[in-house]
Amino acid sequence: MMKVNRKPVLMLIVIMVFVAGLLDVKCRGLFFRMLPYAAQTYLASILNHEGYPGSH
């Protein structure tokens, strides 16, 4: 049986999920749209977006 070191694999998966989440918020993807309006407004202000979070 092949021995797999799980720690680097787990770290890679965590980093990939984190990057995917950041890109989703930046591009206003599905995760961003599921957030409450207050959280969308806050994140939009951080990312220098103007206006309603749903509008481009």
C-alpha atoms as a PDB file:
ATOM      1  CA  MET A   1       0.000   0.000   0.000  1.00  0.00           C
ATOM      2  CA  MET A   2       1.284   3.438  -0.921  1.00  0.00           C
ATOM      3  CA  LYS A   3       1.990   5.731   2.016  1.00  0.00           C
ATOM      4  CA  VAL A   4       0.629   9.233   1.463  1.00  0.00           C
ATOM      5  CA  ASN A   5       1.715  12.154   3.597  1.00  0.00           C
ATOM      6  CA  ARG A   6      -1.632  13.774   4.336  1.00  0.00           C
ATOM      7  CA  LYS A   7      -0.442  17.088   5.755  1.00  0.00           C
ATOM      8  CA  PRO A   8       0.820  18.650   2.471  1.00  0.00           C
ATOM      9  CA  VAL A   9      -2.257  17.393   0.605  1.00  0.00           C
ATOM     10  CA  LEU A  10      -4.569  18.890   3.223  1.00  0.00           C
ATOM     11  CA  MET A  11      -2.702  22.219   3.148  1.00  0.00           C
ATOM     12  CA  LEU A  12      -2.946  22.316  -0.666  1.00  0.00           C
ATOM     13  CA  ILE A  13      -6.690  21.709  -0.527  1.00  0.00           C
ATOM     14  CA  VAL A  14      -7.180  24.415   2.128  1.00  0.00           C
ATOM     15  CA  ILE A  15      -5.158  26.927   0.080  1.00  0.00           C
ATOM     16  CA  MET A  16      -7.116  26.106  -3.082  1.00  0.00           C
ATOM     17  CA  VAL A  17     -10.466  26.557  -1.299  1.00  0.00           C
ATOM     18  CA  PHE A  18      -9.276  29.861   0.181  1.00  0.00           C
ATOM     19  CA  VAL A  19      -8.141  31.182  -3.222  1.00  0.00           C
ATOM     20  CA  ALA A  20     -11.398  30.030  -4.826  1.00  0.00           C
ATOM     21  CA  GLY A  21     -13.365  31.882  -2.139  1.00  0.00           C
ATOM     22  CA  LEU A  22     -11.380  35.075  -2.680  1.00  0.00           C
ATOM     23  CA  LEU A  23     -11.911  34.902  -6.434  1.00  0.00           C
ATOM     24  CA  ASP A  24     -15.619  34.255  -5.918  1.00  0.00           C
ATOM     25  CA  VAL A  25     -15.974  37.345  -3.747  1.00  0.00           C
ATOM     26  CA  LYS A  26     -13.889  39.465  -6.123  1.00  0.00           C
ATOM     27  CA  CYS A  27     -15.930  38.392  -9.161  1.00  0.00           C
ATOM     28  CA  ARG A  28     -19.219  38.434  -7.211  1.00  0.00           C
ATOM     29  CA  GLY A  29     -19.926  34.788  -7.730  1.00  0.00           C
ATOM     30  CA  LEU A  30     -22.404  32.414  -6.117  1.00  0.00           C
ATOM     31  CA  PHE A  31     -20.917  32.528  -2.622  1.00  0.00           C
ATOM     32  CA  PHE A  32     -20.882  36.344  -2.661  1.00  0.00           C
ATOM     33  CA  ARG A  33     -24.535  36.492  -3.746  1.00  0.00           C
ATOM     34  CA  MET A  34     -25.566  34.142  -0.934  1.00  0.00           C
ATOM     35  CA  LEU A  35     -24.158  36.503   1.707  1.00  0.00           C
ATOM     36  CA  PRO A  36     -26.484  38.914   3.511  1.00  0.00           C
ATOM     37  CA  TYR A  37     -26.802  42.388   2.011  1.00  0.00           C
ATOM     38  CA  ALA A  38     -24.765  43.964   4.839  1.00  0.00           C
ATOM     39  CA  ALA A  39     -21.854  41.585   4.226  1.00  0.00           C
ATOM     40  CA  GLN A  40     -22.039  42.183   0.466  1.00  0.00           C
ATOM     41  CA  THR A  41     -21.960  45.941   1.008  1.00  0.00           C
ATOM     42  CA  TYR A  42     -19.001  45.686   3.368  1.00  0.00           C
ATOM     43  CA  LEU A  43     -17.011  43.441   1.029  1.00  0.00           C
ATOM     44  CA  ALA A  44     -17.881  45.610  -1.965  1.00  0.00           C
ATOM     45  CA  SER A  45     -16.569  48.680  -0.145  1.00  0.00           C
ATOM     46  CA  ILE A  46     -13.321  46.859   0.646  1.00  0.00           C
ATOM     47  CA  LEU A  47     -12.910  45.839  -2.993  1.00  0.00           C
ATOM     48  CA  ASN A  48     -13.610  49.416  -4.197  1.00  0.00           C
ATOM     49  CA  HIS A  49     -16.877  48.583  -5.917  1.00  0.00           C
ATOM     50  CA  GLU A  50     -19.475  51.320  -6.035  1.00  0.00           C
ATOM     51  CA  GLY A  51     -23.236  51.031  -5.721  1.00  0.00           C
ATOM     52  CA  TYR A  52     -25.434  48.075  -4.972  1.00  0.00           C
ATOM     53  CA  PRO A  53     -23.473  44.812  -4.632  1.00  0.00           C
ATOM     54  CA  GLY A  54     -25.666  43.097  -7.246  1.00  0.00           C
ATOM     55  CA  SER A  55     -24.987  45.697  -9.924  1.00  0.00           C
ATOM     56  CA  HIS A  56     -21.871  45.878 -12.044  1.00  0.00           C
END
